Amino acid sequence: MNKRWLLAGLAALPFIGAAQAAPTRNSATWRVPPGIRKIRVRSWNPNGKANLDRTLNVKPGEFFRIDAIED
């Protein structure tokens, strides 16, 4: 499973704690903290309906980047 592909379509994910803003306002990066082996990625449509709900195996120190892509 390509973790980056799953995350590429998300415009925003509420990062808490270890999140850091990327150089542009349309990107966010997050580093997996020590002791974390899995993360759960979820998103919802504006009407509140679940759109994505995935659990990913990760390694401490691994980086994730979410980019908002305008069409």
PDB file of N, CA and C in Angstrom:
ATOM      1  N   MET A   1       0.841  -1.176   0.000  1.00  0.00           N
ATOM      2  CA  MET A   1       0.000   0.000   0.000  1.00  0.00           C
ATOM      3  C   MET A   1       0.885   1.237   0.000  1.00  0.00           C
ATOM      4  N   ASN A   2       0.622   2.153  -0.909  1.00  0.00           N
ATOM      5  CA  ASN A   2       1.396   3.386  -1.004  1.00  0.00           C
ATOM      6  C   ASN A   2       0.796   4.435  -0.085  1.00  0.00           C
ATOM      7  N   LYS A   3       1.432   4.673   1.060  1.00  0.00           N
ATOM      8  CA  LYS A   3       0.904   5.590   2.071  1.00  0.00           C
ATOM      9  C   LYS A   3       0.753   7.001   1.531  1.00  0.00           C
ATOM     10  N   ARG A   4       1.721   7.437   0.733  1.00  0.00           N
ATOM     11  CA  ARG A   4       1.654   8.801   0.220  1.00  0.00           C
ATOM     12  C   ARG A   4       0.489   8.988  -0.731  1.00  0.00           C
ATOM     13  N   TRP A   5       0.149   7.958  -1.533  1.00  0.00           N
ATOM     14  CA  TRP A   5      -0.984   8.047  -2.435  1.00  0.00           C
ATOM     15  C   TRP A   5      -2.284   8.210  -1.654  1.00  0.00           C
ATOM     16  N   LEU A   6      -2.431   7.475  -0.586  1.00  0.00           N
ATOM     17  CA  LEU A   6      -3.646   7.583   0.218  1.00  0.00           C
ATOM     18  C   LEU A   6      -3.830   8.985   0.777  1.00  0.00           C
ATOM     19  N   LEU A   7      -2.743   9.626   1.136  1.00  0.00           N
ATOM     20  CA  LEU A   7      -2.815  10.932   1.777  1.00  0.00           C
ATOM     21  C   LEU A   7      -2.827  12.087   0.790  1.00  0.00           C
ATOM     22  N   ALA A   8      -2.435  11.850  -0.457  1.00  0.00           N
ATOM     23  CA  ALA A   8      -2.256  12.945  -1.413  1.00  0.00           C
ATOM     24  C   ALA A   8      -3.545  13.707  -1.695  1.00  0.00           C
ATOM     25  N   GLY A   9      -4.690  13.050  -1.643  1.00  0.00           N
ATOM     26  CA  GLY A   9      -5.936  13.718  -1.985  1.00  0.00           C
ATOM     27  C   GLY A   9      -6.566  14.504  -0.855  1.00  0.00           C
ATOM     28  N   LEU A  10      -6.055  14.397   0.334  1.00  0.00           N
ATOM     29  CA  LEU A  10      -6.635  15.105   1.460  1.00  0.00           C
ATOM     30  C   LEU A  10      -6.215  16.567   1.449  1.00  0.00           C
ATOM     31  N   ALA A  11      -7.155  17.461   1.520  1.00  0.00           N
ATOM     32  CA  ALA A  11      -6.824  18.886   1.518  1.00  0.00           C
ATOM     33  C   ALA A  11      -6.352  19.347   2.887  1.00  0.00           C
ATOM     34  N   ALA A  12      -6.886  18.759   3.939  1.00  0.00           N
ATOM     35  CA  ALA A  12      -6.480  19.167   5.288  1.00  0.00           C
ATOM     36  C   ALA A  12      -6.727  18.018   6.240  1.00  0.00           C
ATOM     37  N   LEU A  13      -5.798  17.792   7.125  1.00  0.00           N
ATOM     38  CA  LEU A  13      -5.935  16.785   8.165  1.00  0.00           C
ATOM     39  C   LEU A  13      -5.582  17.469   9.471  1.00  0.00           C
ATOM     40  N   PRO A  14      -6.435  17.387  10.472  1.00  0.00           N
ATOM     41  CA  PRO A  14      -6.172  18.121  11.712  1.00  0.00           C
ATOM     42  C   PRO A  14      -4.999  17.548  12.491  1.00  0.00           C
ATOM     43  N   PHE A  15      -3.819  18.049  12.223  1.00  0.00           N
ATOM     44  CA  PHE A  15      -2.634  17.612  12.940  1.00  0.00           C
ATOM     45  C   PHE A  15      -2.630  18.228  14.325  1.00  0.00           C
ATOM     46  N   ILE A  16      -2.311  17.416  15.316  1.00  0.00           N
ATOM     47  CA  ILE A  16      -2.281  17.884  16.698  1.00  0.00           C
ATOM     48  C   ILE A  16      -0.927  17.528  17.299  1.00  0.00           C
ATOM     49  N   GLY A  17      -0.339  18.427  18.027  1.00  0.00           N
ATOM     50  CA  GLY A  17       0.894  18.137  18.740  1.00  0.00           C
ATOM     51  C   GLY A  17       2.124  18.229  17.872  1.00  0.00           C
ATOM     52  N   ALA A  18       2.525  17.126  17.247  1.00  0.00           N
ATOM     53  CA  ALA A  18       3.796  17.072  16.520  1.00  0.00           C
ATOM     54  C   ALA A  18       3.719  17.701  15.138  1.00  0.00           C
ATOM     55  N   ALA A  19       2.573  18.210  14.760  1.00  0.00           N
ATOM     56  CA  ALA A  19       2.432  18.788  13.427  1.00  0.00           C
ATOM     57  C   ALA A  19       3.219  20.081  13.303  1.00  0.00           C
ATOM     58  N   GLN A  20       3.724  20.283  12.107  1.00  0.00           N
ATOM     59  CA  GLN A  20       4.430  21.516  11.813  1.00  0.00           C
ATOM     60  C   GLN A  20       3.958  22.015  10.462  1.00  0.00           C
ATOM     61  N   ALA A  21       3.767  23.318  10.344  1.00  0.00           N
ATOM     62  CA  ALA A  21       3.347  23.888   9.076  1.00  0.00           C
ATOM     63  C   ALA A  21       4.499  23.815   8.083  1.00  0.00           C
ATOM     64  N   ALA A  22       4.188  23.457   6.858  1.00  0.00           N
ATOM     65  CA  ALA A  22       5.176  23.450   5.788  1.00  0.00           C
ATOM     66  C   ALA A  22       5.355  24.885   5.287  1.00  0.00           C
ATOM     67  N   PRO A  23       6.325  25.124   4.421  1.00  0.00           N
ATOM     68  CA  PRO A  23       6.577  26.486   3.952  1.00  0.00           C
ATOM     69  C   PRO A  23       5.387  27.152   3.275  1.00  0.00           C
ATOM     70  N   THR A  24       4.461  26.387   2.717  1.00  0.00           N
ATOM     71  CA  THR A  24       3.294  26.995   2.080  1.00  0.00           C
ATOM     72  C   THR A  24       2.056  26.733   2.913  1.00  0.00           C
ATOM     73  N   ARG A  25       1.053  27.550   2.730  1.00  0.00           N
ATOM     74  CA  ARG A  25      -0.172  27.397   3.514  1.00  0.00           C
ATOM     75  C   ARG A  25      -1.013  26.209   3.062  1.00  0.00           C
ATOM     76  N   ASN A  26      -0.688  25.614   1.926  1.00  0.00           N
ATOM     77  CA  ASN A  26      -1.460  24.495   1.400  1.00  0.00           C
ATOM     78  C   ASN A  26      -0.798  23.148   1.647  1.00  0.00           C
ATOM     79  N   SER A  27       0.144  23.100   2.576  1.00  0.00           N
ATOM     80  CA  SER A  27       0.826  21.849   2.901  1.00  0.00           C
ATOM     81  C   SER A  27       0.977  21.722   4.408  1.00  0.00           C
ATOM     82  N   ALA A  28       1.060  20.482   4.858  1.00  0.00           N
ATOM     83  CA  ALA A  28       1.333  20.217   6.264  1.00  0.00           C
ATOM     84  C   ALA A  28       2.214  18.975   6.323  1.00  0.00           C
ATOM     85  N   THR A  29       3.169  18.964   7.242  1.00  0.00           N
ATOM     86  CA  THR A  29       4.006  17.790   7.427  1.00  0.00           C
ATOM     87  C   THR A  29       3.860  17.290   8.856  1.00  0.00           C
ATOM     88  N   TRP A  30       4.126  16.011   9.040  1.00  0.00           N
ATOM     89  CA  TRP A  30       4.019  15.397  10.359  1.00  0.00           C
ATOM     90  C   TRP A  30       5.041  14.289  10.444  1.00  0.00           C
ATOM     91  N   ARG A  31       5.728  14.228  11.555  1.00  0.00           N
ATOM     92  CA  ARG A  31       6.723  13.186  11.807  1.00  0.00           C
ATOM     93  C   ARG A  31       6.167  12.224  12.845  1.00  0.00           C
ATOM     94  N   VAL A  32       6.275  10.919  12.577  1.00  0.00           N
ATOM     95  CA  VAL A  32       5.775   9.897  13.486  1.00  0.00           C
ATOM     96  C   VAL A  32       6.625   9.920  14.752  1.00  0.00           C
ATOM     97  N   PRO A  33       6.004  10.143  15.916  1.00  0.00           N
ATOM     98  CA  PRO A  33       6.765  10.195  17.165  1.00  0.00           C
ATOM     99  C   PRO A  33       7.225   8.807  17.624  1.00  0.00           C
ATOM    100  N   PRO A  34       8.209   8.767  18.524  1.00  0.00           N
ATOM    101  CA  PRO A  34       8.689   7.485  19.052  1.00  0.00           C
ATOM    102  C   PRO A  34       7.550   6.678  19.676  1.00  0.00           C
ATOM    103  N   GLY A  35       7.593   5.385  19.489  1.00  0.00           N
ATOM    104  CA  GLY A  35       6.610   4.498  20.097  1.00  0.00           C
ATOM    105  C   GLY A  35       5.346   4.291  19.281  1.00  0.00           C
ATOM    106  N   ILE A  36       5.166   5.036  18.202  1.00  0.00           N
ATOM    107  CA  ILE A  36       3.954   4.914  17.374  1.00  0.00           C
ATOM    108  C   ILE A  36       4.239   3.955  16.226  1.00  0.00           C
ATOM    109  N   ARG A  37       3.391   2.953  16.069  1.00  0.00           N
ATOM    110  CA  ARG A  37       3.554   1.950  15.014  1.00  0.00           C
ATOM    111  C   ARG A  37       2.402   1.956  14.015  1.00  0.00           C
ATOM    112  N   LYS A  38       1.288   2.594  14.370  1.00  0.00           N
ATOM    113  CA  LYS A  38       0.135   2.685  13.474  1.00  0.00           C
ATOM    114  C   LYS A  38      -0.490   4.055  13.605  1.00  0.00           C
ATOM    115  N   ILE A  39      -1.047   4.548  12.490  1.00  0.00           N
ATOM    116  CA  ILE A  39      -1.845   5.776  12.527  1.00  0.00           C
ATOM    117  C   ILE A  39      -3.164   5.501  11.818  1.00  0.00           C
ATOM    118  N   ARG A  40      -4.163   6.242  12.186  1.00  0.00           N
ATOM    119  CA  ARG A  40      -5.475   6.133  11.554  1.00  0.00           C
ATOM    120  C   ARG A  40      -5.743   7.435  10.821  1.00  0.00           C
ATOM    121  N   VAL A  41      -6.051   7.342   9.534  1.00  0.00           N
ATOM    122  CA  VAL A  41      -6.319   8.504   8.699  1.00  0.00           C
ATOM    123  C   VAL A  41      -7.805   8.503   8.367  1.00  0.00           C
ATOM    124  N   ARG A  42      -8.471   9.605   8.700  1.00  0.00           N
ATOM    125  CA  ARG A  42      -9.909   9.719   8.445  1.00  0.00           C
ATOM    126  C   ARG A  42     -10.222  11.066   7.821  1.00  0.00           C
ATOM    127  N   SER A  43     -11.246  11.096   6.991  1.00  0.00           N
ATOM    128  CA  SER A  43     -11.736  12.360   6.444  1.00  0.00           C
ATOM    129  C   SER A  43     -13.253  12.267   6.289  1.00  0.00           C
ATOM    130  N   TRP A  44     -13.875  13.436   6.247  1.00  0.00           N
ATOM    131  CA  TRP A  44     -15.326  13.533   6.129  1.00  0.00           C
ATOM    132  C   TRP A  44     -15.687  14.528   5.045  1.00  0.00           C
ATOM    133  N   ASN A  45     -16.821  14.287   4.398  1.00  0.00           N
ATOM    134  CA  ASN A  45     -17.381  15.246   3.444  1.00  0.00           C
ATOM    135  C   ASN A  45     -17.963  16.418   4.221  1.00  0.00           C
ATOM    136  N   PRO A  46     -18.228  17.542   3.550  1.00  0.00           N
ATOM    137  CA  PRO A  46     -18.814  18.693   4.253  1.00  0.00           C
ATOM    138  C   PRO A  46     -20.129  18.367   4.980  1.00  0.00           C
ATOM    139  N   ASN A  47     -20.864  17.358   4.498  1.00  0.00           N
ATOM    140  CA  ASN A  47     -22.134  16.994   5.142  1.00  0.00           C
ATOM    141  C   ASN A  47     -21.938  16.051   6.332  1.00  0.00           C
ATOM    142  N   GLY A  48     -20.679  15.715   6.656  1.00  0.00           N
ATOM    143  CA  GLY A  48     -20.403  14.876   7.813  1.00  0.00           C
ATOM    144  C   GLY A  48     -20.280  13.392   7.522  1.00  0.00           C
ATOM    145  N   LYS A  49     -20.508  12.988   6.277  1.00  0.00           N
ATOM    146  CA  LYS A  49     -20.411  11.582   5.901  1.00  0.00           C
ATOM    147  C   LYS A  49     -18.943  11.173   5.785  1.00  0.00           C
ATOM    148  N   ALA A  50     -18.601  10.023   6.358  1.00  0.00           N
ATOM    149  CA  ALA A  50     -17.219   9.533   6.302  1.00  0.00           C
ATOM    150  C   ALA A  50     -16.799   9.296   4.852  1.00  0.00           C
ATOM    151  N   ASN A  51     -15.598   9.745   4.503  1.00  0.00           N
ATOM    152  CA  ASN A  51     -15.074   9.622   3.155  1.00  0.00           C
ATOM    153  C   ASN A  51     -13.917   8.628   3.092  1.00  0.00           C
ATOM    154  N   LEU A  52     -13.073   8.630   4.129  1.00  0.00           N
ATOM    155  CA  LEU A  52     -11.895   7.786   4.177  1.00  0.00           C
ATOM    156  C   LEU A  52     -11.640   7.379   5.618  1.00  0.00           C
ATOM    157  N   ASP A  53     -11.302   6.126   5.821  1.00  0.00           N
ATOM    158  CA  ASP A  53     -10.953   5.636   7.157  1.00  0.00           C
ATOM    159  C   ASP A  53      -9.967   4.480   6.967  1.00  0.00           C
ATOM    160  N   ARG A  54      -8.680   4.774   7.143  1.00  0.00           N
ATOM    161  CA  ARG A  54      -7.636   3.783   6.932  1.00  0.00           C
ATOM    162  C   ARG A  54      -6.667   3.762   8.104  1.00  0.00           C
ATOM    163  N   THR A  55      -6.174   2.585   8.424  1.00  0.00           N
ATOM    164  CA  THR A  55      -5.116   2.435   9.415  1.00  0.00           C
ATOM    165  C   THR A  55      -3.856   2.034   8.669  1.00  0.00           C
ATOM    166  N   LEU A  56      -2.762   2.756   8.946  1.00  0.00           N
ATOM    167  CA  LEU A  56      -1.500   2.519   8.260  1.00  0.00           C
ATOM    168  C   LEU A  56      -0.425   2.087   9.251  1.00  0.00           C
ATOM    169  N   ASN A  57       0.382   1.129   8.876  1.00  0.00           N
ATOM    170  CA  ASN A  57       1.565   0.774   9.653  1.00  0.00           C
ATOM    171  C   ASN A  57       2.633   1.818   9.362  1.00  0.00           C
ATOM    172  N   VAL A  58       3.259   2.349  10.403  1.00  0.00           N
ATOM    173  CA  VAL A  58       4.279   3.380  10.250  1.00  0.00           C
ATOM    174  C   VAL A  58       5.477   3.049  11.118  1.00  0.00           C
ATOM    175  N   LYS A  59       6.566   3.786  10.885  1.00  0.00           N
ATOM    176  CA  LYS A  59       7.776   3.634  11.687  1.00  0.00           C
ATOM    177  C   LYS A  59       8.078   4.968  12.359  1.00  0.00           C
ATOM    178  N   PRO A  60       8.517   4.947  13.609  1.00  0.00           N
ATOM    179  CA  PRO A  60       8.915   6.193  14.264  1.00  0.00           C
ATOM    180  C   PRO A  60       9.957   6.931  13.420  1.00  0.00           C
ATOM    181  N   GLY A  61       9.772   8.242  13.290  1.00  0.00           N
ATOM    182  CA  GLY A  61      10.677   9.065  12.501  1.00  0.00           C
ATOM    183  C   GLY A  61      10.248   9.236  11.060  1.00  0.00           C
ATOM    184  N   GLU A  62       9.295   8.440  10.599  1.00  0.00           N
ATOM    185  CA  GLU A  62       8.805   8.563   9.226  1.00  0.00           C
ATOM    186  C   GLU A  62       8.052   9.882   9.075  1.00  0.00           C
ATOM    187  N   PHE A  63       8.186  10.524   7.917  1.00  0.00           N
ATOM    188  CA  PHE A  63       7.516  11.795   7.649  1.00  0.00           C
ATOM    189  C   PHE A  63       6.333  11.600   6.720  1.00  0.00           C
ATOM    190  N   PHE A  64       5.299  12.390   6.958  1.00  0.00           N
ATOM    191  CA  PHE A  64       4.142  12.445   6.072  1.00  0.00           C
ATOM    192  C   PHE A  64       3.950  13.891   5.656  1.00  0.00           C
ATOM    193  N   ARG A  65       3.524  14.094   4.428  1.00  0.00           N
ATOM    194  CA  ARG A  65       3.235  15.439   3.932  1.00  0.00           C
ATOM    195  C   ARG A  65       1.890  15.396   3.229  1.00  0.00           C
ATOM    196  N   ILE A  66       1.031  16.326   3.572  1.00  0.00           N
ATOM    197  CA  ILE A  66      -0.274  16.482   2.939  1.00  0.00           C
ATOM    198  C   ILE A  66      -0.232  17.765   2.128  1.00  0.00           C
ATOM    199  N   ASP A  67      -0.567  17.669   0.857  1.00  0.00           N
ATOM    200  CA  ASP A  67      -0.594  18.830  -0.030  1.00  0.00           C
ATOM    201  C   ASP A  67      -2.003  19.040  -0.549  1.00  0.00           C
ATOM    202  N   ALA A  68      -2.484  20.271  -0.467  1.00  0.00           N
ATOM    203  CA  ALA A  68      -3.755  20.627  -1.083  1.00  0.00           C
ATOM    204  C   ALA A  68      -3.455  20.924  -2.549  1.00  0.00           C
ATOM    205  N   ILE A  69      -4.175  20.255  -3.442  1.00  0.00           N
ATOM    206  CA  ILE A  69      -3.942  20.418  -4.874  1.00  0.00           C
ATOM    207  C   ILE A  69      -5.164  21.087  -5.480  1.00  0.00           C
ATOM    208  N   GLU A  70      -4.956  22.254  -6.033  1.00  0.00           N
ATOM    209  CA  GLU A  70      -6.046  22.976  -6.688  1.00  0.00           C
ATOM    210  C   GLU A  70      -6.130  22.573  -8.148  1.00  0.00           C
ATOM    211  N   ASP A  71      -7.346  22.283  -8.602  1.00  0.00           N
ATOM    212  CA  ASP A  71      -7.552  21.935 -10.027  1.00  0.00           C
ATOM    213  C   ASP A  71      -7.715  23.169 -10.852  1.00  0.00           C
TER     214      ASP A  71
END
